[in-house]
Amino acid sequence: MATAASADVVRHPIPNSTFPIAQAVTVTGNTTTVYVSGQVPPVVSKDADPSSPQAYGDTKTQTVGVLNRIKGILEGQGLGMGDVVKMQ
């Protein structure tokens, strides 16, 4: 019977935040995998009500904002978008 490899888990908190969910988690065992938490688009219109859709722009603007956030998190781990194997 095979045994599971021991894995080290490192949780990477959101910078300058006390929010209890990590922005990424690194799991190292036989290989290293980085899991990035779900991201939301940044506010792009400071003049709009932050609870309104207008504050976040159209679908393209929101998508670019989220992808840039993911890119920044990956770069903080020494990775890039070319290292991504799955998005959902």
N, C-alpha and C. Protein backbone atom coordinates (compact mmCIF):
# COMPACT_ATOMS: atom_id res chain seq x y z
N MET A 1 0.84 -1.17 0.00
CA MET A 1 0.00 0.00 0.00
C MET A 1 0.89 1.24 0.00
N ALA A 2 0.60 2.18 -0.88
CA ALA A 2 1.36 3.42 -0.98
C ALA A 2 0.95 4.38 0.13
N THR A 3 1.91 5.17 0.59
CA THR A 3 1.60 6.17 1.60
C THR A 3 1.66 7.55 0.97
N ALA A 4 0.85 8.44 1.48
CA ALA A 4 0.83 9.81 0.97
C ALA A 4 2.09 10.54 1.43
N ALA A 5 2.62 11.38 0.55
CA ALA A 5 3.79 12.19 0.89
C ALA A 5 3.37 13.29 1.85
N SER A 6 4.25 13.61 2.76
CA SER A 6 4.00 14.72 3.67
C SER A 6 4.09 16.03 2.90
N ALA A 7 3.18 16.93 3.15
CA ALA A 7 3.17 18.21 2.43
C ALA A 7 3.29 19.36 3.42
N ASP A 8 4.02 20.39 3.00
CA ASP A 8 4.09 21.63 3.76
C ASP A 8 3.09 22.60 3.16
N VAL A 9 2.35 23.29 4.00
CA VAL A 9 1.35 24.25 3.54
C VAL A 9 1.72 25.62 4.08
N VAL A 10 1.84 26.60 3.17
CA VAL A 10 2.14 27.98 3.55
C VAL A 10 1.00 28.86 3.07
N ARG A 11 0.38 29.58 3.98
CA ARG A 11 -0.71 30.50 3.63
C ARG A 11 -0.14 31.90 3.50
N HIS A 12 -0.45 32.56 2.37
CA HIS A 12 0.05 33.91 2.10
C HIS A 12 -1.09 34.90 2.33
N PRO A 13 -1.04 35.68 3.42
CA PRO A 13 -2.14 36.61 3.73
C PRO A 13 -2.21 37.77 2.74
N ILE A 14 -3.34 38.40 2.71
CA ILE A 14 -3.52 39.61 1.90
C ILE A 14 -2.69 40.71 2.55
N PRO A 15 -1.80 41.37 1.79
CA PRO A 15 -0.97 42.42 2.38
C PRO A 15 -1.81 43.54 3.01
N ASN A 16 -1.36 44.03 4.15
CA ASN A 16 -2.00 45.15 4.85
C ASN A 16 -3.47 44.88 5.17
N SER A 17 -3.80 43.64 5.50
CA SER A 17 -5.19 43.27 5.77
C SER A 17 -5.24 42.29 6.94
N THR A 18 -6.35 42.35 7.68
CA THR A 18 -6.59 41.36 8.73
C THR A 18 -7.65 40.36 8.28
N PHE A 19 -8.04 40.41 7.00
CA PHE A 19 -9.03 39.49 6.45
C PHE A 19 -8.52 38.07 6.65
N PRO A 20 -9.34 37.16 7.17
CA PRO A 20 -8.86 35.84 7.56
C PRO A 20 -8.65 34.83 6.43
N ILE A 21 -8.86 35.21 5.19
CA ILE A 21 -8.67 34.29 4.07
C ILE A 21 -7.39 34.66 3.34
N ALA A 22 -6.54 33.66 3.05
CA ALA A 22 -5.27 33.89 2.37
C ALA A 22 -5.51 34.24 0.90
N GLN A 23 -4.64 35.10 0.33
CA GLN A 23 -4.75 35.41 -1.09
C GLN A 23 -4.17 34.27 -1.93
N ALA A 24 -3.29 33.47 -1.32
CA ALA A 24 -2.71 32.31 -2.00
C ALA A 24 -2.23 31.32 -0.94
N VAL A 25 -2.14 30.06 -1.37
CA VAL A 25 -1.63 29.00 -0.51
C VAL A 25 -0.63 28.19 -1.34
N THR A 26 0.55 27.95 -0.77
CA THR A 26 1.55 27.12 -1.43
C THR A 26 1.59 25.77 -0.72
N VAL A 27 1.48 24.70 -1.50
CA VAL A 27 1.55 23.34 -0.97
C VAL A 27 2.78 22.68 -1.60
N THR A 28 3.71 22.26 -0.74
CA THR A 28 4.93 21.63 -1.22
C THR A 28 5.01 20.21 -0.69
N GLY A 29 5.14 19.28 -1.59
CA GLY A 29 5.32 17.87 -1.27
C GLY A 29 6.32 17.34 -2.27
N ASN A 30 5.89 16.40 -3.12
CA ASN A 30 6.75 15.94 -4.21
C ASN A 30 6.91 17.04 -5.26
N THR A 31 5.92 17.91 -5.37
CA THR A 31 5.96 19.08 -6.25
C THR A 31 5.42 20.26 -5.46
N THR A 32 5.53 21.45 -6.03
CA THR A 32 5.00 22.64 -5.38
C THR A 32 3.84 23.17 -6.21
N THR A 33 2.72 23.41 -5.56
CA THR A 33 1.54 23.95 -6.21
C THR A 33 1.11 25.20 -5.45
N VAL A 34 0.79 26.26 -6.20
CA VAL A 34 0.29 27.49 -5.60
C VAL A 34 -1.17 27.64 -5.99
N TYR A 35 -2.03 27.78 -5.00
CA TYR A 35 -3.45 28.01 -5.23
C TYR A 35 -3.73 29.48 -4.93
N VAL A 36 -4.35 30.17 -5.89
CA VAL A 36 -4.68 31.59 -5.71
C VAL A 36 -6.17 31.68 -5.39
N SER A 37 -6.50 32.43 -4.36
CA SER A 37 -7.90 32.62 -3.98
C SER A 37 -8.64 33.41 -5.05
N GLY A 38 -9.96 33.28 -5.05
CA GLY A 38 -10.79 34.03 -5.99
C GLY A 38 -10.56 35.53 -5.86
N GLN A 39 -10.58 36.22 -6.96
CA GLN A 39 -10.33 37.65 -6.98
C GLN A 39 -11.56 38.39 -7.49
N VAL A 40 -11.71 39.62 -7.07
CA VAL A 40 -12.80 40.48 -7.54
C VAL A 40 -12.18 41.67 -8.27
N PRO A 41 -12.94 42.28 -9.16
CA PRO A 41 -12.37 43.42 -9.89
C PRO A 41 -12.17 44.63 -8.99
N PRO A 42 -11.16 45.43 -9.30
CA PRO A 42 -10.94 46.65 -8.53
C PRO A 42 -11.94 47.73 -8.95
N VAL A 43 -12.16 48.68 -8.07
CA VAL A 43 -12.99 49.85 -8.41
C VAL A 43 -12.19 50.68 -9.41
N VAL A 44 -12.82 51.00 -10.55
CA VAL A 44 -12.13 51.79 -11.58
C VAL A 44 -12.70 53.19 -11.72
N SER A 45 -13.90 53.40 -11.18
CA SER A 45 -14.51 54.73 -11.23
C SER A 45 -14.73 55.21 -9.80
N LYS A 46 -13.81 56.04 -9.33
CA LYS A 46 -13.88 56.54 -7.95
C LYS A 46 -15.09 57.45 -7.73
N ASP A 47 -15.66 57.99 -8.82
CA ASP A 47 -16.82 58.88 -8.71
C ASP A 47 -18.14 58.12 -8.56
N ALA A 48 -18.15 56.85 -8.94
CA ALA A 48 -19.38 56.05 -8.88
C ALA A 48 -19.57 55.48 -7.47
N ASP A 49 -20.81 55.21 -7.13
CA ASP A 49 -21.14 54.55 -5.87
C ASP A 49 -20.42 53.19 -5.86
N PRO A 50 -19.60 52.90 -4.84
CA PRO A 50 -18.84 51.64 -4.84
C PRO A 50 -19.70 50.38 -4.82
N SER A 51 -20.98 50.52 -4.52
CA SER A 51 -21.86 49.35 -4.54
C SER A 51 -22.59 49.22 -5.88
N SER A 52 -22.25 50.09 -6.83
CA SER A 52 -22.91 50.06 -8.14
C SER A 52 -22.04 49.35 -9.17
N PRO A 53 -22.65 48.76 -10.18
CA PRO A 53 -21.87 48.14 -11.26
C PRO A 53 -20.96 49.14 -11.99
N GLN A 54 -21.36 50.39 -12.05
CA GLN A 54 -20.57 51.41 -12.75
C GLN A 54 -19.20 51.60 -12.11
N ALA A 55 -19.08 51.32 -10.84
CA ALA A 55 -17.80 51.48 -10.15
C ALA A 55 -16.73 50.52 -10.67
N TYR A 56 -17.17 49.42 -11.28
CA TYR A 56 -16.25 48.36 -11.69
C TYR A 56 -16.03 48.28 -13.20
N GLY A 57 -16.74 49.08 -13.97
CA GLY A 57 -16.56 49.09 -15.42
C GLY A 57 -17.28 47.95 -16.11
N ASP A 58 -17.05 47.86 -17.42
CA ASP A 58 -17.70 46.82 -18.21
C ASP A 58 -17.00 45.48 -18.01
N THR A 59 -17.49 44.45 -18.68
CA THR A 59 -16.96 43.10 -18.51
C THR A 59 -15.48 43.02 -18.85
N LYS A 60 -15.07 43.67 -19.94
CA LYS A 60 -13.66 43.64 -20.33
C LYS A 60 -12.79 44.30 -19.26
N THR A 61 -13.21 45.44 -18.76
CA THR A 61 -12.45 46.16 -17.73
C THR A 61 -12.33 45.32 -16.46
N GLN A 62 -13.43 44.67 -16.07
CA GLN A 62 -13.41 43.82 -14.89
C GLN A 62 -12.46 42.63 -15.08
N THR A 63 -12.52 42.02 -16.26
CA THR A 63 -11.67 40.86 -16.55
C THR A 63 -10.19 41.25 -16.49
N VAL A 64 -9.84 42.35 -17.12
CA VAL A 64 -8.45 42.81 -17.11
C VAL A 64 -8.00 43.11 -15.67
N GLY A 65 -8.88 43.72 -14.88
CA GLY A 65 -8.55 44.03 -13.49
C GLY A 65 -8.29 42.77 -12.67
N VAL A 66 -9.13 41.77 -12.83
CA VAL A 66 -8.97 40.51 -12.09
C VAL A 66 -7.69 39.79 -12.54
N LEU A 67 -7.45 39.73 -13.85
CA LEU A 67 -6.24 39.07 -14.34
C LEU A 67 -4.98 39.78 -13.86
N ASN A 68 -5.02 41.10 -13.79
CA ASN A 68 -3.86 41.84 -13.26
C ASN A 68 -3.64 41.55 -11.78
N ARG A 69 -4.72 41.38 -11.04
CA ARG A 69 -4.58 41.02 -9.61
C ARG A 69 -3.94 39.64 -9.47
N ILE A 70 -4.41 38.69 -10.28
CA ILE A 70 -3.84 37.34 -10.26
C ILE A 70 -2.36 37.39 -10.64
N LYS A 71 -2.05 38.15 -11.68
CA LYS A 71 -0.66 38.29 -12.12
C LYS A 71 0.22 38.83 -10.99
N GLY A 72 -0.26 39.83 -10.27
CA GLY A 72 0.50 40.39 -9.16
C GLY A 72 0.75 39.40 -8.04
N ILE A 73 -0.26 38.61 -7.72
CA ILE A 73 -0.12 37.59 -6.68
C ILE A 73 0.92 36.55 -7.11
N LEU A 74 0.83 36.11 -8.37
CA LEU A 74 1.79 35.14 -8.88
C LEU A 74 3.21 35.69 -8.86
N GLU A 75 3.36 36.94 -9.30
CA GLU A 75 4.69 37.56 -9.31
C GLU A 75 5.27 37.63 -7.90
N GLY A 76 4.41 37.83 -6.91
CA GLY A 76 4.86 37.85 -5.53
C GLY A 76 5.40 36.50 -5.06
N GLN A 77 5.04 35.45 -5.78
CA GLN A 77 5.52 34.10 -5.47
C GLN A 77 6.63 33.66 -6.43
N GLY A 78 7.10 34.62 -7.26
CA GLY A 78 8.15 34.29 -8.23
C GLY A 78 7.63 33.54 -9.44
N LEU A 79 6.34 33.68 -9.73
CA LEU A 79 5.70 32.98 -10.85
C LEU A 79 5.12 33.99 -11.82
N GLY A 80 4.57 33.50 -12.92
CA GLY A 80 3.92 34.36 -13.90
C GLY A 80 2.70 33.68 -14.48
N MET A 81 2.00 34.37 -15.35
CA MET A 81 0.78 33.83 -15.95
C MET A 81 1.06 32.56 -16.76
N GLY A 82 2.27 32.41 -17.27
CA GLY A 82 2.64 31.20 -18.00
C GLY A 82 2.72 29.96 -17.13
N ASP A 83 2.72 30.15 -15.82
CA ASP A 83 2.76 29.03 -14.88
C ASP A 83 1.36 28.53 -14.52
N VAL A 84 0.33 29.24 -14.94
CA VAL A 84 -1.06 28.87 -14.61
C VAL A 84 -1.46 27.64 -15.42
N VAL A 85 -2.03 26.65 -14.74
CA VAL A 85 -2.50 25.45 -15.43
C VAL A 85 -4.02 25.33 -15.40
N LYS A 86 -4.69 26.10 -14.55
CA LYS A 86 -6.15 26.01 -14.48
C LYS A 86 -6.73 27.28 -13.89
N MET A 87 -7.83 27.75 -14.50
CA MET A 87 -8.61 28.86 -13.95
C MET A 87 -10.06 28.44 -13.99
N GLN A 88 -10.81 28.79 -12.96
CA GLN A 88 -12.24 28.50 -12.99
C GLN A 88 -12.99 29.54 -12.23
